[in-house]
Structures are given as C-alpha cells and as structure tokens.
Amino acid sequence: MDLEARSLQPNVKAVLLAKLREYKSDLNNLKSEHKRLASANSNQAARDDLLESGMVDAMSVSANQRGRLMMSTERLNESSDRIKESRRTMLETEELGVSILQDLHQQRQSLLHANDTNK
C-alpha cells in the first residue's frame, strides 16, 4: 500500500501517506500497549503467587486469583478488540486507496484515448 501511495500524484500522495503513517503509528501503539499489559499482568501474577503461597486460606487465594484472571482476560479482550478495529480501519483505507487508484487509471486511459482521437 505504501508503494502504491508513493506512485500517485503529489496532492493525493501526501494525504494517503499521512493517513498511512497515522494508521501505522496507531497499530504500533496498540501493539506496545498490548505487550505492556501482558507483561505487567504476568509479572504481577507471578509476584502475587509468591506472596500468596504463604497464605493459609486457600479459598481466599482462589477467589483473588479468579478475580485477577477475569480482569486480565477483560483487558486482553479489550486490547484485542482495539487491534481488530485498527486492522479493519486499515483494510478499509487500503480498499479506498485501491478504488482511487482504479479511478485514476480509468481517467488516465480516457484522457489518453481522447488525446489519440484528437490527433
């Protein structure tokens, strides 16, 4: 998609490249946030496991673990949803770019044909 955008006319190219950079940036931000949340959750879970190993009340520990697991799962699902939404937006943008390229190609062919018939 990047290569296609670079081959366009300057006025269209600038807009598409800016959007592409924005989408890439959003995607990278979501990926890093997902990694950060995943590592923070695993580090916190490991720490909590060590601290809770000395607890006598196994039911309390189990409930705490279940609650943390549910929260972690929810955060992971939210991050996954954001990534899916970003991917969907990226694909829509790519489709729009392809459509624009096709329209421009047809217009170019029409102009070349008109130029040839005028000669």
PDB file of N, CA and C in Angstrom:
ATOM      1  N   MET A   1       0.824  -1.178   0.000  1.00  0.00           N
ATOM      2  CA  MET A   1       0.000   0.000   0.000  1.00  0.00           C
ATOM      3  C   MET A   1       0.875   1.249   0.000  1.00  0.00           C
ATOM      4  N   ASP A   2       1.955   1.184   0.724  1.00  0.00           N
ATOM      5  CA  ASP A   2       2.889   2.299   0.804  1.00  0.00           C
ATOM      6  C   ASP A   2       3.460   2.611  -0.581  1.00  0.00           C
ATOM      7  N   LEU A   3       3.841   1.583  -1.301  1.00  0.00           N
ATOM      8  CA  LEU A   3       4.408   1.773  -2.639  1.00  0.00           C
ATOM      9  C   LEU A   3       3.376   2.353  -3.598  1.00  0.00           C
ATOM     10  N   GLU A   4       2.149   1.882  -3.494  1.00  0.00           N
ATOM     11  CA  GLU A   4       1.100   2.409  -4.359  1.00  0.00           C
ATOM     12  C   GLU A   4       0.869   3.890  -4.089  1.00  0.00           C
ATOM     13  N   ALA A   5       0.848   4.260  -2.819  1.00  0.00           N
ATOM     14  CA  ALA A   5       0.620   5.665  -2.466  1.00  0.00           C
ATOM     15  C   ALA A   5       1.755   6.545  -2.961  1.00  0.00           C
ATOM     16  N   ARG A   6       2.964   6.057  -2.929  1.00  0.00           N
ATOM     17  CA  ARG A   6       4.107   6.846  -3.364  1.00  0.00           C
ATOM     18  C   ARG A   6       4.119   7.080  -4.880  1.00  0.00           C
ATOM     19  N   SER A   7       3.417   6.230  -5.627  1.00  0.00           N
ATOM     20  CA  SER A   7       3.425   6.369  -7.074  1.00  0.00           C
ATOM     21  C   SER A   7       2.320   7.295  -7.578  1.00  0.00           C
ATOM     22  N   LEU A   8       1.539   7.848  -6.678  1.00  0.00           N
ATOM     23  CA  LEU A   8       0.435   8.719  -7.069  1.00  0.00           C
ATOM     24  C   LEU A   8       0.903  10.162  -7.252  1.00  0.00           C
ATOM     25  N   GLN A   9      -0.033  10.986  -7.704  1.00  0.00           N
ATOM     26  CA  GLN A   9       0.247  12.409  -7.862  1.00  0.00           C
ATOM     27  C   GLN A   9       0.473  13.034  -6.490  1.00  0.00           C
ATOM     28  N   PRO A  10       1.269  14.082  -6.419  1.00  0.00           N
ATOM     29  CA  PRO A  10       1.654  14.666  -5.120  1.00  0.00           C
ATOM     30  C   PRO A  10       0.496  15.054  -4.211  1.00  0.00           C
ATOM     31  N   ASN A  11      -0.578  15.602  -4.754  1.00  0.00           N
ATOM     32  CA  ASN A  11      -1.679  16.045  -3.887  1.00  0.00           C
ATOM     33  C   ASN A  11      -2.388  14.863  -3.227  1.00  0.00           C
ATOM     34  N   VAL A  12      -2.580  13.772  -3.953  1.00  0.00           N
ATOM     35  CA  VAL A  12      -3.221  12.575  -3.394  1.00  0.00           C
ATOM     36  C   VAL A  12      -2.215  11.813  -2.540  1.00  0.00           C
ATOM     37  N   LYS A  13      -0.980  11.762  -2.998  1.00  0.00           N
ATOM     38  CA  LYS A  13       0.074  11.019  -2.305  1.00  0.00           C
ATOM     39  C   LYS A  13       0.270  11.529  -0.885  1.00  0.00           C
ATOM     40  N   ALA A  14       0.303  12.819  -0.700  1.00  0.00           N
ATOM     41  CA  ALA A  14       0.545  13.394   0.626  1.00  0.00           C
ATOM     42  C   ALA A  14      -0.550  12.989   1.611  1.00  0.00           C
ATOM     43  N   VAL A  15      -1.789  13.030   1.165  1.00  0.00           N
ATOM     44  CA  VAL A  15      -2.907  12.684   2.045  1.00  0.00           C
ATOM     45  C   VAL A  15      -2.853  11.201   2.416  1.00  0.00           C
ATOM     46  N   LEU A  16      -2.644  10.348   1.417  1.00  0.00           N
ATOM     47  CA  LEU A  16      -2.618   8.910   1.686  1.00  0.00           C
ATOM     48  C   LEU A  16      -1.430   8.517   2.554  1.00  0.00           C
ATOM     49  N   LEU A  17      -0.277   9.102   2.299  1.00  0.00           N
ATOM     50  CA  LEU A  17       0.893   8.769   3.102  1.00  0.00           C
ATOM     51  C   LEU A  17       0.725   9.230   4.548  1.00  0.00           C
ATOM     52  N   ALA A  18       0.096  10.380   4.740  1.00  0.00           N
ATOM     53  CA  ALA A  18      -0.150  10.862   6.100  1.00  0.00           C
ATOM     54  C   ALA A  18      -1.085   9.912   6.842  1.00  0.00           C
ATOM     55  N   LYS A  19      -2.148   9.483   6.173  1.00  0.00           N
ATOM     56  CA  LYS A  19      -3.084   8.543   6.804  1.00  0.00           C
ATOM     57  C   LYS A  19      -2.399   7.213   7.083  1.00  0.00           C
ATOM     58  N   LEU A  20      -1.592   6.770   6.146  1.00  0.00           N
ATOM     59  CA  LEU A  20      -0.880   5.504   6.332  1.00  0.00           C
ATOM     60  C   LEU A  20       0.050   5.581   7.536  1.00  0.00           C
ATOM     61  N   ARG A  21       0.785   6.684   7.659  1.00  0.00           N
ATOM     62  CA  ARG A  21       1.662   6.850   8.819  1.00  0.00           C
ATOM     63  C   ARG A  21       0.854   6.868  10.108  1.00  0.00           C
ATOM     64  N   GLU A  22      -0.285   7.521  10.076  1.00  0.00           N
ATOM     65  CA  GLU A  22      -1.139   7.589  11.267  1.00  0.00           C
ATOM     66  C   GLU A  22      -1.635   6.195  11.657  1.00  0.00           C
ATOM     67  N   TYR A  23      -2.062   5.405  10.678  1.00  0.00           N
ATOM     68  CA  TYR A  23      -2.551   4.061  10.971  1.00  0.00           C
ATOM     69  C   TYR A  23      -1.430   3.165  11.467  1.00  0.00           C
ATOM     70  N   LYS A  24      -0.253   3.302  10.875  1.00  0.00           N
ATOM     71  CA  LYS A  24       0.880   2.501  11.340  1.00  0.00           C
ATOM     72  C   LYS A  24       1.240   2.875  12.774  1.00  0.00           C
ATOM     73  N   SER A  25       1.200   4.152  13.060  1.00  0.00           N
ATOM     74  CA  SER A  25       1.502   4.618  14.412  1.00  0.00           C
ATOM     75  C   SER A  25       0.473   4.079  15.413  1.00  0.00           C
ATOM     76  N   ASP A  26      -0.798   4.147  15.055  1.00  0.00           N
ATOM     77  CA  ASP A  26      -1.857   3.622  15.933  1.00  0.00           C
ATOM     78  C   ASP A  26      -1.674   2.131  16.172  1.00  0.00           C
ATOM     79  N   LEU A  27      -1.368   1.416  15.118  1.00  0.00           N
ATOM     80  CA  LEU A  27      -1.184  -0.021  15.248  1.00  0.00           C
ATOM     81  C   LEU A  27       0.013  -0.335  16.148  1.00  0.00           C
ATOM     82  N   ASN A  28       1.120   0.380  15.964  1.00  0.00           N
ATOM     83  CA  ASN A  28       2.294   0.159  16.814  1.00  0.00           C
ATOM     84  C   ASN A  28       2.001   0.508  18.266  1.00  0.00           C
ATOM     85  N   ASN A  29       1.253   1.586  18.490  1.00  0.00           N
ATOM     86  CA  ASN A  29       0.883   1.956  19.858  1.00  0.00           C
ATOM     87  C   ASN A  29       0.033   0.865  20.506  1.00  0.00           C
ATOM     88  N   LEU A  30      -0.915   0.325  19.754  1.00  0.00           N
ATOM     89  CA  LEU A  30      -1.760  -0.734  20.302  1.00  0.00           C
ATOM     90  C   LEU A  30      -0.959  -1.999  20.575  1.00  0.00           C
ATOM     91  N   LYS A  31      -0.026  -2.312  19.700  1.00  0.00           N
ATOM     92  CA  LYS A  31       0.818  -3.491  19.928  1.00  0.00           C
ATOM     93  C   LYS A  31       1.656  -3.319  21.189  1.00  0.00           C
ATOM     94  N   SER A  32       2.259  -2.145  21.358  1.00  0.00           N
ATOM     95  CA  SER A  32       3.102  -1.933  22.542  1.00  0.00           C
ATOM     96  C   SER A  32       2.252  -1.922  23.814  1.00  0.00           C
ATOM     97  N   GLU A  33       1.058  -1.360  23.735  1.00  0.00           N
ATOM     98  CA  GLU A  33       0.170  -1.367  24.901  1.00  0.00           C
ATOM     99  C   GLU A  33      -0.224  -2.795  25.255  1.00  0.00           C
ATOM    100  N   HIS A  34      -0.509  -3.593  24.237  1.00  0.00           N
ATOM    101  CA  HIS A  34      -0.868  -4.997  24.459  1.00  0.00           C
ATOM    102  C   HIS A  34       0.293  -5.733  25.114  1.00  0.00           C
ATOM    103  N   LYS A  35       1.511  -5.539  24.626  1.00  0.00           N
ATOM    104  CA  LYS A  35       2.681  -6.194  25.218  1.00  0.00           C
ATOM    105  C   LYS A  35       2.886  -5.735  26.654  1.00  0.00           C
ATOM    106  N   ARG A  36       2.721  -4.426  26.874  1.00  0.00           N
ATOM    107  CA  ARG A  36       2.906  -3.878  28.212  1.00  0.00           C
ATOM    108  C   ARG A  36       1.897  -4.479  29.182  1.00  0.00           C
ATOM    109  N   LEU A  37       0.651  -4.557  28.750  1.00  0.00           N
ATOM    110  CA  LEU A  37      -0.382  -5.122  29.623  1.00  0.00           C
ATOM    111  C   LEU A  37      -0.136  -6.605  29.875  1.00  0.00           C
ATOM    112  N   ALA A  38       0.267  -7.316  28.846  1.00  0.00           N
ATOM    113  CA  ALA A  38       0.508  -8.749  29.003  1.00  0.00           C
ATOM    114  C   ALA A  38       1.681  -9.003  29.952  1.00  0.00           C
ATOM    115  N   SER A  39       2.777  -8.240  29.796  1.00  0.00           N
ATOM    116  CA  SER A  39       3.926  -8.469  30.675  1.00  0.00           C
ATOM    117  C   SER A  39       3.640  -7.988  32.094  1.00  0.00           C
ATOM    118  N   ALA A  40       2.917  -6.883  32.229  1.00  0.00           N
ATOM    119  CA  ALA A  40       2.579  -6.389  33.570  1.00  0.00           C
ATOM    120  C   ALA A  40       1.687  -7.391  34.291  1.00  0.00           C
ATOM    121  N   ASN A  41       0.749  -7.961  33.549  1.00  0.00           N
ATOM    122  CA  ASN A  41      -0.145  -8.947  34.161  1.00  0.00           C
ATOM    123  C   ASN A  41       0.608 -10.191  34.582  1.00  0.00           C
ATOM    124  N   SER A  42       1.526 -10.657  33.740  1.00  0.00           N
ATOM    125  CA  SER A  42       2.253 -11.876  34.098  1.00  0.00           C
ATOM    126  C   SER A  42       3.216 -11.614  35.257  1.00  0.00           C
ATOM    127  N   ASN A  43       3.871 -10.438  35.264  1.00  0.00           N
ATOM    128  CA  ASN A  43       4.776 -10.105  36.370  1.00  0.00           C
ATOM    129  C   ASN A  43       4.007  -9.959  37.682  1.00  0.00           C
ATOM    130  N   GLN A  44       2.879  -9.290  37.625  1.00  0.00           N
ATOM    131  CA  GLN A  44       2.070  -9.089  38.822  1.00  0.00           C
ATOM    132  C   GLN A  44       1.517 -10.434  39.303  1.00  0.00           C
ATOM    133  N   ALA A  45       1.107 -11.271  38.381  1.00  0.00           N
ATOM    134  CA  ALA A  45       0.566 -12.574  38.766  1.00  0.00           C
ATOM    135  C   ALA A  45       1.651 -13.429  39.424  1.00  0.00           C
ATOM    136  N   ALA A  46       2.865 -13.405  38.893  1.00  0.00           N
ATOM    137  CA  ALA A  46       3.960 -14.184  39.472  1.00  0.00           C
ATOM    138  C   ALA A  46       4.284 -13.662  40.875  1.00  0.00           C
ATOM    139  N   ARG A  47       4.313 -12.348  41.014  1.00  0.00           N
ATOM    140  CA  ARG A  47       4.590 -11.738  42.321  1.00  0.00           C
ATOM    141  C   ARG A  47       3.511 -12.120  43.327  1.00  0.00           C
ATOM    142  N   ASP A  48       2.260 -12.017  42.897  1.00  0.00           N
ATOM    143  CA  ASP A  48       1.146 -12.356  43.783  1.00  0.00           C
ATOM    144  C   ASP A  48       1.160 -13.833  44.157  1.00  0.00           C
ATOM    145  N   ASP A  49       1.527 -14.686  43.213  1.00  0.00           N
ATOM    146  CA  ASP A  49       1.612 -16.116  43.512  1.00  0.00           C
ATOM    147  C   ASP A  49       2.628 -16.382  44.611  1.00  0.00           C
ATOM    148  N   LEU A  50       3.778 -15.703  44.544  1.00  0.00           N
ATOM    149  CA  LEU A  50       4.801 -15.886  45.576  1.00  0.00           C
ATOM    150  C   LEU A  50       4.311 -15.394  46.933  1.00  0.00           C
ATOM    151  N   LEU A  51       3.653 -14.246  46.940  1.00  0.00           N
ATOM    152  CA  LEU A  51       3.163 -13.691  48.198  1.00  0.00           C
ATOM    153  C   LEU A  51       2.028 -14.541  48.777  1.00  0.00           C
ATOM    154  N   GLU A  52       1.191 -15.055  47.905  1.00  0.00           N
ATOM    155  CA  GLU A  52       0.031 -15.805  48.377  1.00  0.00           C
ATOM    156  C   GLU A  52       0.374 -17.241  48.766  1.00  0.00           C
ATOM    157  N   SER A  53       1.554 -17.701  48.403  1.00  0.00           N
ATOM    158  CA  SER A  53       1.903 -19.084  48.742  1.00  0.00           C
ATOM    159  C   SER A  53       1.959 -19.292  50.254  1.00  0.00           C
ATOM    160  N   GLY A  54       2.182 -18.224  51.002  1.00  0.00           N
ATOM    161  CA  GLY A  54       2.242 -18.346  52.456  1.00  0.00           C
ATOM    162  C   GLY A  54       0.887 -18.219  53.116  1.00  0.00           C
ATOM    163  N   MET A  55      -0.150 -17.905  52.357  1.00  0.00           N
ATOM    164  CA  MET A  55      -1.475 -17.711  52.946  1.00  0.00           C
ATOM    165  C   MET A  55      -2.097 -19.056  53.308  1.00  0.00           C
ATOM    166  N   VAL A  56      -2.830 -19.051  54.393  1.00  0.00           N
ATOM    167  CA  VAL A  56      -3.454 -20.277  54.880  1.00  0.00           C
ATOM    168  C   VAL A  56      -4.812 -20.488  54.214  1.00  0.00           C
ATOM    169  N   ASP A  57      -5.498 -19.419  53.954  1.00  0.00           N
ATOM    170  CA  ASP A  57      -6.865 -19.526  53.431  1.00  0.00           C
ATOM    171  C   ASP A  57      -6.857 -19.755  51.920  1.00  0.00           C
ATOM    172  N   ALA A  58      -6.976 -21.005  51.514  1.00  0.00           N
ATOM    173  CA  ALA A  58      -6.908 -21.371  50.096  1.00  0.00           C
ATOM    174  C   ALA A  58      -8.113 -20.834  49.322  1.00  0.00           C
ATOM    175  N   MET A  59      -9.259 -20.735  49.941  1.00  0.00           N
ATOM    176  CA  MET A  59     -10.450 -20.228  49.252  1.00  0.00           C
ATOM    177  C   MET A  59     -10.275 -18.762  48.887  1.00  0.00           C
ATOM    178  N   SER A  60      -9.690 -17.998  49.778  1.00  0.00           N
ATOM    179  CA  SER A  60      -9.441 -16.585  49.525  1.00  0.00           C
ATOM    180  C   SER A  60      -8.471 -16.401  48.362  1.00  0.00           C
ATOM    181  N   VAL A  61      -7.433 -17.211  48.386  1.00  0.00           N
ATOM    182  CA  VAL A  61      -6.428 -17.152  47.320  1.00  0.00           C
ATOM    183  C   VAL A  61      -7.070 -17.483  45.981  1.00  0.00           C
ATOM    184  N   SER A  62      -7.870 -18.515  45.957  1.00  0.00           N
ATOM    185  CA  SER A  62      -8.524 -18.938  44.726  1.00  0.00           C
ATOM    186  C   SER A  62      -9.449 -17.838  44.198  1.00  0.00           C
ATOM    187  N   ALA A  63     -10.199 -17.210  45.097  1.00  0.00           N
ATOM    188  CA  ALA A  63     -11.099 -16.133  44.678  1.00  0.00           C
ATOM    189  C   ALA A  63     -10.314 -14.940  44.150  1.00  0.00           C
ATOM    190  N   ASN A  64      -9.206 -14.601  44.821  1.00  0.00           N
ATOM    191  CA  ASN A  64      -8.374 -13.498  44.350  1.00  0.00           C
ATOM    192  C   ASN A  64      -7.785 -13.792  42.975  1.00  0.00           C
ATOM    193  N   GLN A  65      -7.312 -15.000  42.806  1.00  0.00           N
ATOM    194  CA  GLN A  65      -6.731 -15.386  41.525  1.00  0.00           C
ATOM    195  C   GLN A  65      -7.791 -15.354  40.431  1.00  0.00           C
ATOM    196  N   ARG A  66      -8.949 -15.833  40.731  1.00  0.00           N
ATOM    197  CA  ARG A  66     -10.040 -15.837  39.764  1.00  0.00           C
ATOM    198  C   ARG A  66     -10.405 -14.402  39.369  1.00  0.00           C
ATOM    199  N   GLY A  67     -10.474 -13.520  40.360  1.00  0.00           N
ATOM    200  CA  GLY A  67     -10.792 -12.120  40.084  1.00  0.00           C
ATOM    201  C   GLY A  67      -9.725 -11.457  39.216  1.00  0.00           C
ATOM    202  N   ARG A  68      -8.462 -11.688  39.537  1.00  0.00           N
ATOM    203  CA  ARG A  68      -7.366 -11.118  38.737  1.00  0.00           C
ATOM    204  C   ARG A  68      -7.373 -11.694  37.327  1.00  0.00           C
ATOM    205  N   LEU A  69      -7.647 -12.979  37.240  1.00  0.00           N
ATOM    206  CA  LEU A  69      -7.696 -13.619  35.928  1.00  0.00           C
ATOM    207  C   LEU A  69      -8.819 -13.037  35.086  1.00  0.00           C
ATOM    208  N   MET A  70      -9.950 -12.803  35.696  1.00  0.00           N
ATOM    209  CA  MET A  70     -11.073 -12.216  34.962  1.00  0.00           C
ATOM    210  C   MET A  70     -10.745 -10.797  34.507  1.00  0.00           C
ATOM    211  N   MET A  71     -10.118 -10.003  35.379  1.00  0.00           N
ATOM    212  CA  MET A  71      -9.738  -8.637  34.986  1.00  0.00           C
ATOM    213  C   MET A  71      -8.704  -8.658  33.869  1.00  0.00           C
ATOM    214  N   SER A  72      -7.730  -9.539  33.993  1.00  0.00           N
ATOM    215  CA  SER A  72      -6.687  -9.647  32.962  1.00  0.00           C
ATOM    216  C   SER A  72      -7.282 -10.084  31.636  1.00  0.00           C
ATOM    217  N   THR A  73      -8.179 -11.033  31.700  1.00  0.00           N
ATOM    218  CA  THR A  73      -8.830 -11.504  30.483  1.00  0.00           C
ATOM    219  C   THR A  73      -9.633 -10.385  29.834  1.00  0.00           C
ATOM    220  N   GLU A  74     -10.332  -9.618  30.637  1.00  0.00           N
ATOM    221  CA  GLU A  74     -11.129  -8.499  30.115  1.00  0.00           C
ATOM    222  C   GLU A  74     -10.222  -7.464  29.448  1.00  0.00           C
ATOM    223  N   ARG A  75      -9.119  -7.117  30.094  1.00  0.00           N
ATOM    224  CA  ARG A  75      -8.180  -6.147  29.497  1.00  0.00           C
ATOM    225  C   ARG A  75      -7.597  -6.682  28.204  1.00  0.00           C
ATOM    226  N   LEU A  76      -7.280  -7.947  28.191  1.00  0.00           N
ATOM    227  CA  LEU A  76      -6.735  -8.564  26.982  1.00  0.00           C
ATOM    228  C   LEU A  76      -7.773  -8.552  25.864  1.00  0.00           C
ATOM    229  N   ASN A  77      -9.014  -8.848  26.200  1.00  0.00           N
ATOM    230  CA  ASN A  77     -10.081  -8.808  25.193  1.00  0.00           C
ATOM    231  C   ASN A  77     -10.283  -7.404  24.651  1.00  0.00           C
ATOM    232  N   GLU A  78     -10.229  -6.397  25.523  1.00  0.00           N
ATOM    233  CA  GLU A  78     -10.368  -5.008  25.071  1.00  0.00           C
ATOM    234  C   GLU A  78      -9.228  -4.624  24.136  1.00  0.00           C
ATOM    235  N   SER A  79      -8.027  -5.030  24.476  1.00  0.00           N
ATOM    236  CA  SER A  79      -6.878  -4.735  23.613  1.00  0.00           C
ATOM    237  C   SER A  79      -7.017  -5.444  22.278  1.00  0.00           C
ATOM    238  N   SER A  80      -7.463  -6.671  22.313  1.00  0.00           N
ATOM    239  CA  SER A  80      -7.672  -7.426  21.069  1.00  0.00           C
ATOM    240  C   SER A  80      -8.730  -6.748  20.203  1.00  0.00           C
ATOM    241  N   ASP A  81      -9.787  -6.264  20.834  1.00  0.00           N
ATOM    242  CA  ASP A  81     -10.835  -5.571  20.090  1.00  0.00           C
ATOM    243  C   ASP A  81     -10.293  -4.291  19.437  1.00  0.00           C
ATOM    244  N   ARG A  82      -9.449  -3.565  20.165  1.00  0.00           N
ATOM    245  CA  ARG A  82      -8.861  -2.344  19.590  1.00  0.00           C
ATOM    246  C   ARG A  82      -7.962  -2.684  18.408  1.00  0.00           C
ATOM    247  N   ILE A  83      -7.212  -3.772  18.529  1.00  0.00           N
ATOM    248  CA  ILE A  83      -6.345  -4.191  17.427  1.00  0.00           C
ATOM    249  C   ILE A  83      -7.190  -4.597  16.219  1.00  0.00           C
ATOM    250  N   LYS A  84      -8.270  -5.340  16.461  1.00  0.00           N
ATOM    251  CA  LYS A  84      -9.154  -5.744  15.359  1.00  0.00           C
ATOM    252  C   LYS A  84      -9.766  -4.523  14.687  1.00  0.00           C
ATOM    253  N   GLU A  85     -10.193  -3.549  15.471  1.00  0.00           N
ATOM    254  CA  GLU A  85     -10.780  -2.331  14.917  1.00  0.00           C
ATOM    255  C   GLU A  85      -9.746  -1.559  14.096  1.00  0.00           C
ATOM    256  N   SER A  86      -8.523  -1.489  14.586  1.00  0.00           N
ATOM    257  CA  SER A  86      -7.459  -0.817  13.839  1.00  0.00           C
ATOM    258  C   SER A  86      -7.183  -1.537  12.534  1.00  0.00           C
ATOM    259  N   ARG A  87      -7.177  -2.842  12.584  1.00  0.00           N
ATOM    260  CA  ARG A  87      -6.946  -3.636  11.366  1.00  0.00           C
ATOM    261  C   ARG A  87      -8.077  -3.409  10.366  1.00  0.00           C
ATOM    262  N   ARG A  88      -9.315  -3.376  10.863  1.00  0.00           N
ATOM    263  CA  ARG A  88     -10.461  -3.136   9.986  1.00  0.00           C
ATOM    264  C   ARG A  88     -10.351  -1.764   9.334  1.00  0.00           C
ATOM    265  N   THR A  89      -9.981  -0.768  10.102  1.00  0.00           N
ATOM    266  CA  THR A  89      -9.808   0.579   9.567  1.00  0.00           C
ATOM    267  C   THR A  89      -8.706   0.610   8.517  1.00  0.00           C
ATOM    268  N   MET A  90      -7.613  -0.090   8.809  1.00  0.00           N
ATOM    269  CA  MET A  90      -6.505  -0.148   7.854  1.00  0.00           C
ATOM    270  C   MET A  90      -6.964  -0.792   6.542  1.00  0.00           C
ATOM    271  N   LEU A  91      -7.721  -1.887   6.628  1.00  0.00           N
ATOM    272  CA  LEU A  91      -8.194  -2.562   5.421  1.00  0.00           C
ATOM    273  C   LEU A  91      -9.166  -1.686   4.636  1.00  0.00           C
ATOM    274  N   GLU A  92     -10.036  -0.960   5.338  1.00  0.00           N
ATOM    275  CA  GLU A  92     -10.951  -0.044   4.660  1.00  0.00           C
ATOM    276  C   GLU A  92     -10.171   1.042   3.928  1.00  0.00           C
ATOM    277  N   THR A  93      -9.139   1.556   4.573  1.00  0.00           N
ATOM    278  CA  THR A  93      -8.315   2.583   3.959  1.00  0.00           C
ATOM    279  C   THR A  93      -7.601   2.038   2.732  1.00  0.00           C
ATOM    280  N   GLU A  94      -7.123   0.822   2.836  1.00  0.00           N
ATOM    281  CA  GLU A  94      -6.457   0.203   1.698  1.00  0.00           C
ATOM    282  C   GLU A  94      -7.439   0.021   0.541  1.00  0.00           C
ATOM    283  N   GLU A  95      -8.657  -0.422   0.844  1.00  0.00           N
ATOM    284  CA  GLU A  95      -9.673  -0.571  -0.199  1.00  0.00           C
ATOM    285  C   GLU A  95      -9.973   0.766  -0.862  1.00  0.00           C
ATOM    286  N   LEU A  96     -10.066   1.811  -0.062  1.00  0.00           N
ATOM    287  CA  LEU A  96     -10.313   3.143  -0.600  1.00  0.00           C
ATOM    288  C   LEU A  96      -9.163   3.568  -1.506  1.00  0.00           C
ATOM    289  N   GLY A  97      -7.946   3.304  -1.088  1.00  0.00           N
ATOM    290  CA  GLY A  97      -6.780   3.638  -1.902  1.00  0.00           C
ATOM    291  C   GLY A  97      -6.796   2.901  -3.228  1.00  0.00           C
ATOM    292  N   VAL A  98      -7.138   1.619  -3.187  1.00  0.00           N
ATOM    293  CA  VAL A  98      -7.208   0.829  -4.421  1.00  0.00           C
ATOM    294  C   VAL A  98      -8.283   1.386  -5.337  1.00  0.00           C
ATOM    295  N   SER A  99      -9.419   1.739  -4.774  1.00  0.00           N
ATOM    296  CA  SER A  99     -10.508   2.307  -5.559  1.00  0.00           C
ATOM    297  C   SER A  99     -10.071   3.617  -6.217  1.00  0.00           C
ATOM    298  N   ILE A 100      -9.381   4.455  -5.473  1.00  0.00           N
ATOM    299  CA  ILE A 100      -8.891   5.727  -6.016  1.00  0.00           C
ATOM    300  C   ILE A 100      -7.903   5.466  -7.146  1.00  0.00           C
ATOM    301  N   LEU A 101      -7.011   4.509  -6.936  1.00  0.00           N
ATOM    302  CA  LEU A 101      -6.046   4.172  -7.988  1.00  0.00           C
ATOM    303  C   LEU A 101      -6.747   3.673  -9.244  1.00  0.00           C
ATOM    304  N   GLN A 102      -7.777   2.865  -9.086  1.00  0.00           N
ATOM    305  CA  GLN A 102      -8.517   2.367 -10.240  1.00  0.00           C
ATOM    306  C   GLN A 102      -9.207   3.511 -10.977  1.00  0.00           C
ATOM    307  N   ASP A 103      -9.829   4.424 -10.227  1.00  0.00           N
ATOM    308  CA  ASP A 103     -10.482   5.581 -10.843  1.00  0.00           C
ATOM    309  C   ASP A 103      -9.466   6.430 -11.603  1.00  0.00           C
ATOM    310  N   LEU A 104      -8.336   6.653 -11.001  1.00  0.00           N
ATOM    311  CA  LEU A 104      -7.299   7.452 -11.659  1.00  0.00           C
ATOM    312  C   LEU A 104      -6.798   6.755 -12.919  1.00  0.00           C
ATOM    313  N   HIS A 105      -6.666   5.452 -12.866  1.00  0.00           N
ATOM    314  CA  HIS A 105      -6.221   4.699 -14.043  1.00  0.00           C
ATOM    315  C   HIS A 105      -7.241   4.837 -15.171  1.00  0.00           C
ATOM    316  N   GLN A 106      -8.520   4.711 -14.836  1.00  0.00           N
ATOM    317  CA  GLN A 106      -9.571   4.854 -15.850  1.00  0.00           C
ATOM    318  C   GLN A 106      -9.578   6.260 -16.437  1.00  0.00           C
ATOM    319  N   GLN A 107      -9.397   7.254 -15.600  1.00  0.00           N
ATOM    320  CA  GLN A 107      -9.361   8.631 -16.085  1.00  0.00           C
ATOM    321  C   GLN A 107      -8.163   8.847 -17.001  1.00  0.00           C
ATOM    322  N   ARG A 108      -7.045   8.265 -16.643  1.00  0.00           N
ATOM    323  CA  ARG A 108      -5.837   8.393 -17.468  1.00  0.00           C
ATOM    324  C   ARG A 108      -6.064   7.747 -18.831  1.00  0.00           C
ATOM    325  N   GLN A 109      -6.673   6.560 -18.811  1.00  0.00           N
ATOM    326  CA  GLN A 109      -6.951   5.873 -20.068  1.00  0.00           C
ATOM    327  C   GLN A 109      -7.901   6.699 -20.932  1.00  0.00           C
ATOM    328  N   SER A 110      -8.900   7.296 -20.322  1.00  0.00           N
ATOM    329  CA  SER A 110      -9.844   8.133 -21.065  1.00  0.00           C
ATOM    330  C   SER A 110      -9.130   9.328 -21.683  1.00  0.00           C
ATOM    331  N   LEU A 111      -8.272   9.964 -20.901  1.00  0.00           N
ATOM    332  CA  LEU A 111      -7.538  11.122 -21.425  1.00  0.00           C
ATOM    333  C   LEU A 111      -6.592  10.717 -22.556  1.00  0.00           C
ATOM    334  N   LEU A 112      -5.924   9.604 -22.405  1.00  0.00           N
ATOM    335  CA  LEU A 112      -5.020   9.144 -23.468  1.00  0.00           C
ATOM    336  C   LEU A 112      -5.804   8.802 -24.721  1.00  0.00           C
ATOM    337  N   HIS A 113      -6.962   8.152 -24.558  1.00  0.00           N
ATOM    338  CA  HIS A 113      -7.795   7.811 -25.695  1.00  0.00           C
ATOM    339  C   HIS A 113      -8.291   9.083 -26.380  1.00  0.00           C
ATOM    340  N   ALA A 114      -8.731  10.061 -25.612  1.00  0.00           N
ATOM    341  CA  ALA A 114      -9.207  11.326 -26.162  1.00  0.00           C
ATOM    342  C   ALA A 114      -8.082  12.049 -26.888  1.00  0.00           C
ATOM    343  N   ASN A 115      -6.890  11.990 -26.320  1.00  0.00           N
ATOM    344  CA  ASN A 115      -5.747  12.637 -26.950  1.00  0.00           C
ATOM    345  C   ASN A 115      -5.422  11.958 -28.275  1.00  0.00           C
ATOM    346  N   ASP A 116      -5.499  10.615 -28.306  1.00  0.00           N
ATOM    347  CA  ASP A 116      -5.200   9.884 -29.533  1.00  0.00           C
ATOM    348  C   ASP A 116      -6.235  10.172 -30.617  1.00  0.00           C
ATOM    349  N   THR A 117      -7.486  10.320 -30.250  1.00  0.00           N
ATOM    350  CA  THR A 117      -8.518  10.572 -31.261  1.00  0.00           C
ATOM    351  C   THR A 117      -8.452  11.995 -31.798  1.00  0.00           C
ATOM    352  N   ASN A 118      -7.893  12.922 -31.038  1.00  0.00           N
ATOM    353  CA  ASN A 118      -7.765  14.319 -31.483  1.00  0.00           C
ATOM    354  C   ASN A 118      -6.593  14.509 -32.430  1.00  0.00           C
ATOM    355  N   LYS A 119      -5.697  13.580 -32.494  1.00  0.00           N
ATOM    356  CA  LYS A 119      -4.521  13.732 -33.354  1.00  0.00           C
ATOM    357  C   LYS A 119      -4.835  13.490 -34.788  1.00  0.00           C
TER     358      LYS A 119
END
